[in-house]
Amino acid sequence: MISQVLKLHLSSYTNDKNYSTKQLLHLCREYYYENKVELQRIDEFEKSLMASDDTLVQWYTEDTFVQRLLKKAFAHNDFEILIPFQAYIVDLRNYIKSKFETSDEYKKGENVTFSFTTRLSHDQLNQIKQNVKQLLALKGFLLCNRSCQKAIPAAWNDRKNCDKKFSAVFLLKVDTRMGATKYCNVSDDRVLLDMASVFTIDDITSLGLTELDTAYCVQLTATNDGEKLARKYHDSQKEICGDSFEICHLLLSSMNAENGSKYFEHLLVTDSGGAMEDLLAARAFTYTTADPSVAILLFSEAIQMQQHDEPPKKRDYVCTSKMLGDCYLASGETLKAMAIFKAALNYAQENQLDNYIMQAQLVCRIGQCYEKTGRFNTALMQYETACVLDAKAPKSEYSTGPGYLLSIARIFSHQERYDLAYKICIDALNTFRKVVPETHHYIQHSVRLAAEAAIKNGDLEAFREVTSILEKSKDNEPSTMCSIQ
């Protein structure tokens, strides 16, 4: 998903191209400062950027420092490299789009099939096998062959050279009418696919007679589903957190807080991509788990700046206050957190901010504070209010509103009202099963709470029923997305 959101983010890239190019050249020269050959090639690269866009593809498809650095960056989500390369990536994507939309294949609406061969680890192979009929995303741009006839024999012959790895040929079917995967010709027999293209895994088959053979064929079909998921995620995070946070939030959820921190540190240094106070808040967000004390200082500074904005950015102020409260809550300073949550909620209501998702989150946080201090009845009322507010919000596929039901169930279970706790868990479970691709862990949490309530209530039949639900839900689990480099 990171590559999908990054692609969406780059599509709105508006920074000074000259400045970005200087950053890029500085990065490359610093990286290869002892390599005279590469330094000479960097000089050639600088001249070519000024001369023609036609050289953009050449620098990526040949064995150059551009290809090596970008492949490394895409593989590891390395924003220290990706940020300076932003202008180049945008130009290359625009070039691919232009060539694709003027191609005869696109104009005629043809179906085409490309291929590429690679080596897969045992884990990568199993991941693909387990995700048949699901999504697979490329992490960067991909060089493919037009010829598929030679690809399968090549993969079969390569199997003997694979040390603890599997040789695989990927066959990629592209319907040019959909425009899901754009590409441009590199030569008569090679094409370059656009960044972070997404495919459905149709099938994976062994090229040998037994499963012990080490060569496989993976059949893929291009789809727009990856872009749709990324846009839903982007829009939901923008609604909840504002423009500056979506990539940072995704990096954190992928356990990559360090890269998220680097990304927003860059925006602060270059004073680009948003107001300074918003970026401070976003930078602080990257520390909420790793070092809450640092996050508290940065959030506090951002809030002071936001208070003096003209015109005031009311939603951003509330969002930053909520995250500051989260830091205090994570640090065990429950009363401070509660005071901040209450102040933010009052501010939102006084200024008639009809962001019901945000208000519901604040009320839920207040409930958590009451729960931590042992005031369970008051916490219960807060969670019920959060449910009411969430119901007023426009329905979002990324809403976690049913999570408030689990908080209510947790209180009922604490009060030994196990029958009510069980019923509410089932309500939450049924809602989660309809909602979003990213909430399977909520389903598991719902099942666990419901099973616990059933056992404590002595209802073994209910316990068996609820634990079977999880197994059934796996058959209808929404699309997931694996990735390859």
Foldseek 3Di string as FASTA:
>chain_A
DLQLLVVVVLVPDDDDLVVLLVLLLVVQCVVPVPPPVLNVVSVVVVVVVVPDLVCLVVCCPDPHPVVVLVVVCLVPVACSNCRSCSSSLSSVLVVLVVQQCPDPCLVVQHKAKWKDKDKAAPVRVVVLVVAAQFKAKASFKDKTWRDPVVQQVVQLVCQVVDDNIAIEMEMEIERSPVVQWTWHDPDPTMIIIGTTWMWHFNDKDAPDDDPPRRYIYTYTYTDNVSNVVSVLQQVVCCLQANNPASSCVVCVVVVNLVSQLVVLVVCCVVVDDDHNLSSLLNNLLSCLPVPLVSSLVSLVVSLVVQVPDVVRPLSNNLNSLLSNLSSCVVVVVLVVSLVSLVVSLVSCVVVVPLSLLSNLSSLQSNLVSCVVVPNLVSSLVSLVVSLVSVVPHDDGLPRLSLVSLQVNLVSCVVVVVLVSSLVSLVVSLVVLLPGYLPCLVVNVVSLVSNLVSCVSVVNVVSNVVSVVVNVVSVVVRDHDYHYDD
